[in-house]
Amino acid sequence: MIARGVAQVNSGHQQPAYAVGGFLKPVRGMSLHGILVLPLLAWLLARADLSERRRTRIVAPGAAG
């Protein structure tokens, strides 16, 4: 994505460069924010009065998402 965008910009075609890479920006944002949320979720669940098995069942879908 980055290599194609840089090649487009360097050749003077900025609009196609943003069209190529711009649609991936929301996906990138969701994945990066998800990585930040998982430790917070695990920290909160560690302080909850739940069994280890139940905490794992709560965190697993979040990690898969």
PDB file of N, CA and C in Angstrom:
ATOM      1  N   MET A   1       0.817  -1.166   0.000  1.00  0.00           N
ATOM      2  CA  MET A   1       0.000   0.000   0.000  1.00  0.00           C
ATOM      3  C   MET A   1       0.878   1.252   0.000  1.00  0.00           C
ATOM      4  N   ILE A   2       1.837   1.307   0.877  1.00  0.00           N
ATOM      5  CA  ILE A   2       2.692   2.478   0.969  1.00  0.00           C
ATOM      6  C   ILE A   2       3.553   2.611  -0.282  1.00  0.00           C
ATOM      7  N   ALA A   3       4.117   1.499  -0.740  1.00  0.00           N
ATOM      8  CA  ALA A   3       4.986   1.550  -1.915  1.00  0.00           C
ATOM      9  C   ALA A   3       4.215   2.020  -3.147  1.00  0.00           C
ATOM     10  N   ARG A   4       2.999   1.524  -3.337  1.00  0.00           N
ATOM     11  CA  ARG A   4       2.193   1.962  -4.489  1.00  0.00           C
ATOM     12  C   ARG A   4       1.839   3.431  -4.378  1.00  0.00           C
ATOM     13  N   GLY A   5       1.487   3.868  -3.166  1.00  0.00           N
ATOM     14  CA  GLY A   5       1.137   5.272  -2.969  1.00  0.00           C
ATOM     15  C   GLY A   5       2.317   6.197  -3.215  1.00  0.00           C
ATOM     16  N   VAL A   6       3.472   5.839  -2.713  1.00  0.00           N
ATOM     17  CA  VAL A   6       4.671   6.661  -2.928  1.00  0.00           C
ATOM     18  C   VAL A   6       5.026   6.705  -4.410  1.00  0.00           C
ATOM     19  N   ALA A   7       4.919   5.595  -5.091  1.00  0.00           N
ATOM     20  CA  ALA A   7       5.199   5.575  -6.530  1.00  0.00           C
ATOM     21  C   ALA A   7       4.230   6.473  -7.283  1.00  0.00           C
ATOM     22  N   GLN A   8       2.965   6.470  -6.888  1.00  0.00           N
ATOM     23  CA  GLN A   8       1.977   7.337  -7.544  1.00  0.00           C
ATOM     24  C   GLN A   8       2.285   8.811  -7.278  1.00  0.00           C
ATOM     25  N   VAL A   9       2.615   9.167  -6.044  1.00  0.00           N
ATOM     26  CA  VAL A   9       2.913  10.554  -5.712  1.00  0.00           C
ATOM     27  C   VAL A   9       4.169  11.020  -6.435  1.00  0.00           C
ATOM     28  N   ASN A  10       5.208  10.175  -6.468  1.00  0.00           N
ATOM     29  CA  ASN A  10       6.449  10.552  -7.127  1.00  0.00           C
ATOM     30  C   ASN A  10       6.272  10.737  -8.624  1.00  0.00           C
ATOM     31  N   SER A  11       5.309  10.054  -9.212  1.00  0.00           N
ATOM     32  CA  SER A  11       5.067  10.217 -10.643  1.00  0.00           C
ATOM     33  C   SER A  11       4.094  11.360 -10.927  1.00  0.00           C
ATOM     34  N   GLY A  12       3.664  12.078  -9.873  1.00  0.00           N
ATOM     35  CA  GLY A  12       2.815  13.243 -10.068  1.00  0.00           C
ATOM     36  C   GLY A  12       1.328  12.950 -10.026  1.00  0.00           C
ATOM     37  N   HIS A  13       0.938  11.789  -9.577  1.00  0.00           N
ATOM     38  CA  HIS A  13      -0.472  11.413  -9.519  1.00  0.00           C
ATOM     39  C   HIS A  13      -0.914  11.270  -8.064  1.00  0.00           C
ATOM     40  N   GLN A  14      -1.166  12.393  -7.416  1.00  0.00           N
ATOM     41  CA  GLN A  14      -1.505  12.353  -5.995  1.00  0.00           C
ATOM     42  C   GLN A  14      -2.914  11.820  -5.743  1.00  0.00           C
ATOM     43  N   GLN A  15      -3.877  12.185  -6.569  1.00  0.00           N
ATOM     44  CA  GLN A  15      -5.248  11.738  -6.338  1.00  0.00           C
ATOM     45  C   GLN A  15      -5.372  10.209  -6.391  1.00  0.00           C
ATOM     46  N   PRO A  16      -4.806   9.523  -7.408  1.00  0.00           N
ATOM     47  CA  PRO A  16      -4.871   8.047  -7.384  1.00  0.00           C
ATOM     48  C   PRO A  16      -4.132   7.440  -6.196  1.00  0.00           C
ATOM     49  N   ALA A  17      -3.079   8.110  -5.706  1.00  0.00           N
ATOM     50  CA  ALA A  17      -2.346   7.593  -4.540  1.00  0.00           C
ATOM     51  C   ALA A  17      -3.248   7.567  -3.320  1.00  0.00           C
ATOM     52  N   TYR A  18      -4.040   8.614  -3.120  1.00  0.00           N
ATOM     53  CA  TYR A  18      -4.950   8.638  -1.978  1.00  0.00           C
ATOM     54  C   TYR A  18      -6.101   7.657  -2.168  1.00  0.00           C
ATOM     55  N   ALA A  19      -6.511   7.432  -3.394  1.00  0.00           N
ATOM     56  CA  ALA A  19      -7.571   6.456  -3.660  1.00  0.00           C
ATOM     57  C   ALA A  19      -7.085   5.043  -3.361  1.00  0.00           C
ATOM     58  N   VAL A  20      -5.814   4.770  -3.653  1.00  0.00           N
ATOM     59  CA  VAL A  20      -5.245   3.434  -3.415  1.00  0.00           C
ATOM     60  C   VAL A  20      -5.111   3.155  -1.925  1.00  0.00           C
ATOM     61  N   GLY A  21      -4.555   4.093  -1.178  1.00  0.00           N
ATOM     62  CA  GLY A  21      -4.268   3.851   0.232  1.00  0.00           C
ATOM     63  C   GLY A  21      -5.309   4.360   1.199  1.00  0.00           C
ATOM     64  N   GLY A  22      -6.156   5.261   0.776  1.00  0.00           N
ATOM     65  CA  GLY A  22      -7.108   5.881   1.682  1.00  0.00           C
ATOM     66  C   GLY A  22      -8.175   4.951   2.214  1.00  0.00           C
ATOM     67  N   PHE A  23      -8.581   3.980   1.436  1.00  0.00           N
ATOM     68  CA  PHE A  23      -9.654   3.097   1.891  1.00  0.00           C
ATOM     69  C   PHE A  23      -9.205   2.150   2.993  1.00  0.00           C
ATOM     70  N   LEU A  24      -7.911   1.979   3.202  1.00  0.00           N
ATOM     71  CA  LEU A  24      -7.414   1.099   4.259  1.00  0.00           C
ATOM     72  C   LEU A  24      -7.247   1.815   5.604  1.00  0.00           C
ATOM     73  N   LYS A  25      -7.396   3.124   5.621  1.00  0.00           N
ATOM     74  CA  LYS A  25      -7.181   3.882   6.854  1.00  0.00           C
ATOM     75  C   LYS A  25      -8.129   3.461   7.982  1.00  0.00           C
ATOM     76  N   PRO A  26      -9.439   3.278   7.763  1.00  0.00           N
ATOM     77  CA  PRO A  26     -10.303   2.833   8.868  1.00  0.00           C
ATOM     78  C   PRO A  26      -9.933   1.453   9.405  1.00  0.00           C
ATOM     79  N   VAL A  27      -9.537   0.550   8.528  1.00  0.00           N
ATOM     80  CA  VAL A  27      -9.151  -0.801   8.965  1.00  0.00           C
ATOM     81  C   VAL A  27      -7.913  -0.726   9.850  1.00  0.00           C
ATOM     82  N   ARG A  28      -6.971   0.083   9.458  1.00  0.00           N
ATOM     83  CA  ARG A  28      -5.754   0.267  10.236  1.00  0.00           C
ATOM     84  C   ARG A  28      -6.077   0.869  11.602  1.00  0.00           C
ATOM     85  N   GLY A  29      -6.952   1.852  11.626  1.00  0.00           N
ATOM     86  CA  GLY A  29      -7.335   2.497  12.881  1.00  0.00           C
ATOM     87  C   GLY A  29      -8.018   1.541  13.839  1.00  0.00           C
ATOM     88  N   MET A  30      -8.921   0.710  13.321  1.00  0.00           N
ATOM     89  CA  MET A  30      -9.611  -0.249  14.177  1.00  0.00           C
ATOM     90  C   MET A  30      -8.644  -1.263  14.772  1.00  0.00           C
ATOM     91  N   SER A  31      -7.712  -1.738  13.962  1.00  0.00           N
ATOM     92  CA  SER A  31      -6.776  -2.742  14.478  1.00  0.00           C
ATOM     93  C   SER A  31      -5.842  -2.136  15.524  1.00  0.00           C
ATOM     94  N   LEU A  32      -5.368  -0.935  15.309  1.00  0.00           N
ATOM     95  CA  LEU A  32      -4.474  -0.314  16.292  1.00  0.00           C
ATOM     96  C   LEU A  32      -5.204   0.010  17.589  1.00  0.00           C
ATOM     97  N   HIS A  33      -6.444   0.485  17.504  1.00  0.00           N
ATOM     98  CA  HIS A  33      -7.192   0.775  18.718  1.00  0.00           C
ATOM     99  C   HIS A  33      -7.573  -0.519  19.433  1.00  0.00           C
ATOM    100  N   GLY A  34      -7.816  -1.575  18.678  1.00  0.00           N
ATOM    101  CA  GLY A  34      -8.108  -2.867  19.288  1.00  0.00           C
ATOM    102  C   GLY A  34      -6.948  -3.386  20.106  1.00  0.00           C
ATOM    103  N   ILE A  35      -5.748  -3.172  19.604  1.00  0.00           N
ATOM    104  CA  ILE A  35      -4.552  -3.588  20.335  1.00  0.00           C
ATOM    105  C   ILE A  35      -4.438  -2.815  21.647  1.00  0.00           C
ATOM    106  N   LEU A  36      -4.878  -1.579  21.655  1.00  0.00           N
ATOM    107  CA  LEU A  36      -4.822  -0.782  22.879  1.00  0.00           C
ATOM    108  C   LEU A  36      -5.914  -1.159  23.870  1.00  0.00           C
ATOM    109  N   VAL A  37      -7.048  -1.633  23.374  1.00  0.00           N
ATOM    110  CA  VAL A  37      -8.179  -1.950  24.244  1.00  0.00           C
ATOM    111  C   VAL A  37      -7.992  -3.300  24.940  1.00  0.00           C
ATOM    112  N   LEU A  38      -7.371  -4.261  24.296  1.00  0.00           N
ATOM    113  CA  LEU A  38      -7.233  -5.592  24.887  1.00  0.00           C
ATOM    114  C   LEU A  38      -6.499  -5.600  26.233  1.00  0.00           C
ATOM    115  N   PRO A  39      -5.391  -4.917  26.394  1.00  0.00           N
ATOM    116  CA  PRO A  39      -4.758  -4.906  27.728  1.00  0.00           C
ATOM    117  C   PRO A  39      -5.653  -4.263  28.794  1.00  0.00           C
ATOM    118  N   LEU A  40      -6.395  -3.227  28.410  1.00  0.00           N
ATOM    119  CA  LEU A  40      -7.313  -2.607  29.353  1.00  0.00           C
ATOM    120  C   LEU A  40      -8.410  -3.590  29.765  1.00  0.00           C
ATOM    121  N   LEU A  41      -8.958  -4.311  28.802  1.00  0.00           N
ATOM    122  CA  LEU A  41      -9.972  -5.313  29.098  1.00  0.00           C
ATOM    123  C   LEU A  41      -9.418  -6.398  30.024  1.00  0.00           C
ATOM    124  N   ALA A  42      -8.231  -6.875  29.730  1.00  0.00           N
ATOM    125  CA  ALA A  42      -7.608  -7.910  30.577  1.00  0.00           C
ATOM    126  C   ALA A  42      -7.350  -7.382  31.981  1.00  0.00           C
ATOM    127  N   TRP A  43      -6.918  -6.148  32.101  1.00  0.00           N
ATOM    128  CA  TRP A  43      -6.661  -5.548  33.409  1.00  0.00           C
ATOM    129  C   TRP A  43      -7.947  -5.441  34.219  1.00  0.00           C
ATOM    130  N   LEU A  44      -9.027  -4.992  33.563  1.00  0.00           N
ATOM    131  CA  LEU A  44     -10.307  -4.889  34.251  1.00  0.00           C
ATOM    132  C   LEU A  44     -10.834  -6.256  34.683  1.00  0.00           C
ATOM    133  N   LEU A  45     -10.699  -7.236  33.803  1.00  0.00           N
ATOM    134  CA  LEU A  45     -11.182  -8.575  34.133  1.00  0.00           C
ATOM    135  C   LEU A  45     -10.350  -9.233  35.236  1.00  0.00           C
ATOM    136  N   ALA A  46      -9.077  -8.883  35.335  1.00  0.00           N
ATOM    137  CA  ALA A  46      -8.237  -9.442  36.392  1.00  0.00           C
ATOM    138  C   ALA A  46      -8.725  -9.003  37.775  1.00  0.00           C
ATOM    139  N   ARG A  47      -9.364  -7.846  37.826  1.00  0.00           N
ATOM    140  CA  ARG A  47      -9.869  -7.338  39.087  1.00  0.00           C
ATOM    141  C   ARG A  47     -11.318  -7.757  39.351  1.00  0.00           C
ATOM    142  N   ALA A  48     -11.954  -8.390  38.384  1.00  0.00           N
ATOM    143  CA  ALA A  48     -13.334  -8.854  38.554  1.00  0.00           C
ATOM    144  C   ALA A  48     -13.342 -10.195  39.283  1.00  0.00           C
ATOM    145  N   ASP A  49     -14.452 -10.476  39.906  1.00  0.00           N
ATOM    146  CA  ASP A  49     -14.580 -11.732  40.648  1.00  0.00           C
ATOM    147  C   ASP A  49     -15.142 -12.807  39.709  1.00  0.00           C
ATOM    148  N   LEU A  50     -14.327 -13.183  38.722  1.00  0.00           N
ATOM    149  CA  LEU A  50     -14.714 -14.197  37.736  1.00  0.00           C
ATOM    150  C   LEU A  50     -13.655 -15.284  37.696  1.00  0.00           C
ATOM    151  N   SER A  51     -14.062 -16.455  37.260  1.00  0.00           N
ATOM    152  CA  SER A  51     -13.088 -17.542  37.135  1.00  0.00           C
ATOM    153  C   SER A  51     -12.181 -17.273  35.929  1.00  0.00           C
ATOM    154  N   GLU A  52     -11.042 -17.918  35.948  1.00  0.00           N
ATOM    155  CA  GLU A  52     -10.090 -17.770  34.843  1.00  0.00           C
ATOM    156  C   GLU A  52     -10.717 -18.194  33.521  1.00  0.00           C
ATOM    157  N   ARG A  53     -11.480 -19.253  33.555  1.00  0.00           N
ATOM    158  CA  ARG A  53     -12.123 -19.760  32.334  1.00  0.00           C
ATOM    159  C   ARG A  53     -13.091 -18.726  31.767  1.00  0.00           C
ATOM    160  N   ARG A  54     -13.876 -18.101  32.611  1.00  0.00           N
ATOM    161  CA  ARG A  54     -14.837 -17.099  32.147  1.00  0.00           C
ATOM    162  C   ARG A  54     -14.121 -15.863  31.610  1.00  0.00           C
ATOM    163  N   ARG A  55     -13.059 -15.439  32.264  1.00  0.00           N
ATOM    164  CA  ARG A  55     -12.293 -14.277  31.767  1.00  0.00           C
ATOM    165  C   ARG A  55     -11.708 -14.574  30.398  1.00  0.00           C
ATOM    166  N   THR A  56     -11.210 -15.797  30.214  1.00  0.00           N
ATOM    167  CA  THR A  56     -10.657 -16.183  28.922  1.00  0.00           C
ATOM    168  C   THR A  56     -11.737 -16.169  27.840  1.00  0.00           C
ATOM    169  N   ARG A  57     -12.923 -16.625  28.193  1.00  0.00           N
ATOM    170  CA  ARG A  57     -14.031 -16.613  27.234  1.00  0.00           C
ATOM    171  C   ARG A  57     -14.470 -15.201  26.867  1.00  0.00           C
ATOM    172  N   ILE A  58     -14.268 -14.266  27.732  1.00  0.00           N
ATOM    173  CA  ILE A  58     -14.603 -12.858  27.434  1.00  0.00           C
ATOM    174  C   ILE A  58     -13.532 -12.222  26.555  1.00  0.00           C
ATOM    175  N   VAL A  59     -12.271 -12.506  26.837  1.00  0.00           N
ATOM    176  CA  VAL A  59     -11.169 -11.885  26.095  1.00  0.00           C
ATOM    177  C   VAL A  59     -11.007 -12.505  24.698  1.00  0.00           C
ATOM    178  N   ALA A  60     -11.292 -13.783  24.546  1.00  0.00           N
ATOM    179  CA  ALA A  60     -11.061 -14.462  23.266  1.00  0.00           C
ATOM    180  C   ALA A  60     -11.810 -13.815  22.098  1.00  0.00           C
ATOM    181  N   PRO A  61     -13.091 -13.492  22.189  1.00  0.00           N
ATOM    182  CA  PRO A  61     -13.746 -12.835  21.052  1.00  0.00           C
ATOM    183  C   PRO A  61     -13.169 -11.459  20.743  1.00  0.00           C
ATOM    184  N   GLY A  62     -12.742 -10.755  21.802  1.00  0.00           N
ATOM    185  CA  GLY A  62     -12.119  -9.462  21.573  1.00  0.00           C
ATOM    186  C   GLY A  62     -10.810  -9.588  20.807  1.00  0.00           C
ATOM    187  N   ALA A  63     -10.031 -10.597  21.151  1.00  0.00           N
ATOM    188  CA  ALA A  63      -8.772 -10.830  20.434  1.00  0.00           C
ATOM    189  C   ALA A  63      -9.032 -11.269  19.001  1.00  0.00           C
ATOM    190  N   ALA A  64     -10.058 -12.071  18.796  1.00  0.00           N
ATOM    191  CA  ALA A  64     -10.376 -12.525  17.438  1.00  0.00           C
ATOM    192  C   ALA A  64     -10.878 -11.371  16.575  1.00  0.00           C
ATOM    193  N   GLY A  65     -11.602 -10.443  17.204  1.00  0.00           N
ATOM    194  CA  GLY A  65     -12.135  -9.305  16.454  1.00  0.00           C
ATOM    195  C   GLY A  65     -11.055  -8.351  16.056  1.00  0.00           C
TER     196      GLY A  65
END
